[in-house]
C-alpha atoms as a PDB file:
ATOM      1  CA  MET A   1     142.084 -67.620 242.937  1.00  0.00           C
ATOM      2  CA  ARG A   2     140.286 -64.533 241.214  1.00  0.00           C
ATOM      3  CA  ARG A   3     143.250 -64.135 238.872  1.00  0.00           C
ATOM      4  CA  HIS A   4     142.898 -67.865 237.776  1.00  0.00           C
ATOM      5  CA  ARG A   5     139.221 -67.363 237.235  1.00  0.00           C
ATOM      6  CA  GLY A   6     139.737 -64.192 235.048  1.00  0.00           C
ATOM      7  CA  LEU A   7     142.127 -66.089 232.832  1.00  0.00           C
ATOM      8  CA  LEU A   8     139.502 -69.000 232.297  1.00  0.00           C
ATOM      9  CA  LEU A   9     136.582 -66.369 231.557  1.00  0.00           C
ATOM     10  CA  GLY A  10     138.412 -63.796 229.646  1.00  0.00           C
ATOM     11  CA  ALA A  11     139.738 -60.159 230.352  1.00  0.00           C
ATOM     12  CA  ASP A  12     136.958 -57.388 230.921  1.00  0.00           C
ATOM     13  CA  GLU A  13     137.742 -56.044 227.596  1.00  0.00           C
ATOM     14  CA  ASP A  14     136.208 -59.048 225.956  1.00  0.00           C
ATOM     15  CA  ASN A  15     132.941 -58.593 227.849  1.00  0.00           C
ATOM     16  CA  ASP A  16     132.407 -55.142 226.144  1.00  0.00           C
ATOM     17  CA  PRO A  17     129.171 -55.788 224.066  1.00  0.00           C
ATOM     18  CA  MET A  18     130.281 -52.782 221.678  1.00  0.00           C
ATOM     19  CA  SER A  19     133.453 -54.502 220.397  1.00  0.00           C
ATOM     20  CA  VAL A  20     131.235 -56.797 218.462  1.00  0.00           C
ATOM     21  CA  VAL A  21     129.508 -53.815 216.628  1.00  0.00           C
ATOM     22  CA  SER A  22     132.965 -52.371 215.932  1.00  0.00           C
ATOM     23  CA  ASN A  23     133.817 -55.604 214.312  1.00  0.00           C
ATOM     24  CA  LEU A  24     130.704 -55.824 212.141  1.00  0.00           C
ATOM     25  CA  PHE A  25     131.372 -52.394 210.823  1.00  0.00           C
ATOM     26  CA  ASP A  26     134.763 -53.546 209.897  1.00  0.00           C
ATOM     27  CA  VAL A  27     133.626 -56.646 208.014  1.00  0.00           C
ATOM     28  CA  ALA A  28     130.699 -54.404 206.291  1.00  0.00           C
ATOM     29  CA  MET A  29     133.435 -51.996 205.087  1.00  0.00           C
ATOM     30  CA  VAL A  30     135.636 -54.482 203.686  1.00  0.00           C
ATOM     31  CA  PHE A  31     132.735 -56.444 201.960  1.00  0.00           C
ATOM     32  CA  ALA A  32     131.476 -52.837 200.405  1.00  0.00           C
ATOM     33  CA  VAL A  33     135.119 -52.053 198.953  1.00  0.00           C
ATOM     34  CA  ALA A  34     135.280 -55.772 197.590  1.00  0.00           C
ATOM     35  CA  LEU A  35     131.999 -55.348 196.112  1.00  0.00           C
ATOM     36  CA  MET A  36     132.992 -52.083 194.287  1.00  0.00           C
ATOM     37  CA  VAL A  37     136.288 -53.327 193.292  1.00  0.00           C
ATOM     38  CA  ALA A  38     134.216 -56.496 191.586  1.00  0.00           C
ATOM     39  CA  LEU A  39     131.987 -54.321 189.846  1.00  0.00           C
ATOM     40  CA  VAL A  40     134.438 -51.996 188.429  1.00  0.00           C
ATOM     41  CA  THR A  41     136.287 -54.815 187.183  1.00  0.00           C
ATOM     42  CA  ARG A  42     133.192 -56.940 185.790  1.00  0.00           C
ATOM     43  CA  TYR A  43     131.934 -53.956 183.988  1.00  0.00           C
ATOM     44  CA  ASN A  44     135.279 -52.717 182.556  1.00  0.00           C
ATOM     45  CA  MET A  45     134.976 -49.370 184.108  1.00  0.00           C
ATOM     46  CA  THR A  46     138.648 -48.675 185.044  1.00  0.00           C
ATOM     47  CA  GLU A  47     138.893 -45.765 182.435  1.00  0.00           C
ATOM     48  CA  MET A  48     136.517 -43.708 185.011  1.00  0.00           C
ATOM     49  CA  PHE A  49     139.495 -43.589 187.376  1.00  0.00           C
ATOM     50  CA  SER A  50     142.024 -42.494 184.733  1.00  0.00           C
ATOM     51  CA  GLN A  51     143.002 -38.969 184.001  1.00  0.00           C
ATOM     52  CA  GLU A  52     142.207 -39.279 180.278  1.00  0.00           C
ATOM     53  CA  ASP A  53     139.120 -37.969 178.604  1.00  0.00           C
ATOM     54  CA  PHE A  54     136.774 -40.469 177.101  1.00  0.00           C
ATOM     55  CA  THR A  55     133.178 -41.017 175.650  1.00  0.00           C
ATOM     56  CA  VAL A  56     130.932 -44.120 175.981  1.00  0.00           C
ATOM     57  CA  VAL A  57     127.905 -45.045 174.105  1.00  0.00           C
ATOM     58  CA  LYS A  58     125.450 -47.352 175.946  1.00  0.00           C
ATOM     59  CA  ASN A  59     122.898 -49.041 173.710  1.00  0.00           C
ATOM     60  CA  PRO A  60     123.868 -47.347 170.403  1.00  0.00           C
ATOM     61  CA  GLY A  61     120.952 -46.874 168.015  1.00  0.00           C
ATOM     62  CA  LYS A  62     118.248 -47.875 170.424  1.00  0.00           C
ATOM     63  CA  GLU A  63     115.305 -45.713 172.087  1.00  0.00           C
ATOM     64  CA  ASN A  64     117.425 -45.808 175.456  1.00  0.00           C
ATOM     65  CA  MET A  65     120.757 -44.952 174.105  1.00  0.00           C
ATOM     66  CA  GLU A  66     122.819 -42.823 176.562  1.00  0.00           C
ATOM     67  CA  ILE A  67     126.054 -41.141 175.797  1.00  0.00           C
ATOM     68  CA  ILE A  68     128.711 -40.663 178.948  1.00  0.00           C
ATOM     69  CA  THR A  69     131.650 -38.015 178.282  1.00  0.00           C
ATOM     70  CA  LYS A  70     134.448 -37.737 180.840  1.00  0.00           C
ATOM     71  CA  GLU A  71     136.382 -34.325 180.614  1.00  0.00           C
ATOM     72  CA  GLY A  72     138.871 -33.680 183.221  1.00  0.00           C
ATOM     73  CA  GLN A  73     137.011 -34.184 186.566  1.00  0.00           C
ATOM     74  CA  LYS A  74     133.374 -33.824 185.316  1.00  0.00           C
ATOM     75  CA  ILE A  75     131.106 -36.726 183.888  1.00  0.00           C
ATOM     76  CA  ASN A  76     128.310 -35.807 181.573  1.00  0.00           C
ATOM     77  CA  ARG A  77     125.630 -37.963 180.846  1.00  0.00           C
ATOM     78  CA  TYR A  78     123.286 -37.212 177.753  1.00  0.00           C
ATOM     79  CA  THR A  79     120.259 -39.076 176.799  1.00  0.00           C
ATOM     80  CA  PRO A  80     118.778 -38.294 173.300  1.00  0.00           C
ATOM     81  CA  SER A  81     115.196 -38.824 173.747  1.00  0.00           C
ATOM     82  CA  GLU A  82     112.093 -36.741 173.765  1.00  0.00           C
ATOM     83  CA  ASP A  83     111.783 -36.393 177.548  1.00  0.00           C
ATOM     84  CA  GLN A  84     115.365 -34.572 177.276  1.00  0.00           C
ATOM     85  CA  GLU A  85     113.709 -31.823 175.533  1.00  0.00           C
ATOM     86  CA  ASN A  86     111.598 -30.978 178.808  1.00  0.00           C
ATOM     87  CA  LYS A  87     114.798 -30.842 181.054  1.00  0.00           C
ATOM     88  CA  SER A  88     117.499 -28.801 179.049  1.00  0.00           C
ATOM     89  CA  GLY A  89     115.664 -27.737 175.826  1.00  0.00           C
ATOM     90  CA  LYS A  90     118.114 -30.141 173.923  1.00  0.00           C
ATOM     91  CA  LYS A  91     116.984 -32.834 171.556  1.00  0.00           C
ATOM     92  CA  GLY A  92     118.992 -35.493 169.671  1.00  0.00           C
ATOM     93  CA  LYS A  93     118.321 -38.230 167.144  1.00  0.00           C
ATOM     94  CA  LYS A  94     120.326 -40.691 165.086  1.00  0.00           C
ATOM     95  CA  VAL A  95     121.597 -38.903 161.777  1.00  0.00           C
ATOM     96  CA  GLY A  96     123.974 -41.485 160.395  1.00  0.00           C
ATOM     97  CA  VAL A  97     126.627 -44.278 161.339  1.00  0.00           C
ATOM     98  CA  ALA A  98     130.357 -43.866 161.558  1.00  0.00           C
ATOM     99  CA  TYR A  99     132.738 -46.721 160.665  1.00  0.00           C
ATOM    100  CA  GLU A 100     136.446 -47.035 161.708  1.00  0.00           C
ATOM    101  CA  LEU A 101     138.637 -48.727 159.148  1.00  0.00           C
ATOM    102  CA  GLU A 102     141.837 -50.867 160.001  1.00  0.00           C
ATOM    103  CA  ASN A 103     143.991 -47.920 159.260  1.00  0.00           C
ATOM    104  CA  GLY A 104     142.346 -45.363 161.516  1.00  0.00           C
ATOM    105  CA  GLU A 105     140.326 -43.724 159.065  1.00  0.00           C
ATOM    106  CA  ILE A 106     136.827 -42.945 159.842  1.00  0.00           C
ATOM    107  CA  ILE A 107     133.904 -43.185 157.509  1.00  0.00           C
ATOM    108  CA  TYR A 108     130.671 -41.286 157.972  1.00  0.00           C
ATOM    109  CA  VAL A 109     127.523 -42.524 156.322  1.00  0.00           C
ATOM    110  CA  PRO A 110     124.413 -40.455 156.508  1.00  0.00           C
ATOM    111  CA  GLU A 111     120.915 -42.091 156.878  1.00  0.00           C
END
């Protein structure tokens, strides 16, 4: 009779309250990885994971402009603003505009 009762109620492993916590952790990890993949593809940041060097300019020509460069495994972020002088002694400002023509030639126009 005991054996039959165990089959109806489930095995002793099913009564372990910590099994629920491990299942929640697994679900949270899958959700976190899916969220990271969605954000990387949404903001076209796949080049961050490549081996190539690159430069990205966020908000070009505005007060909150940022220049992000990747050289090898190192990613540098530079903000050309007045508060940058206090951090590293470097200061930047916009000095012109560069245009790339269809044939690949780049023209620099100083302001």
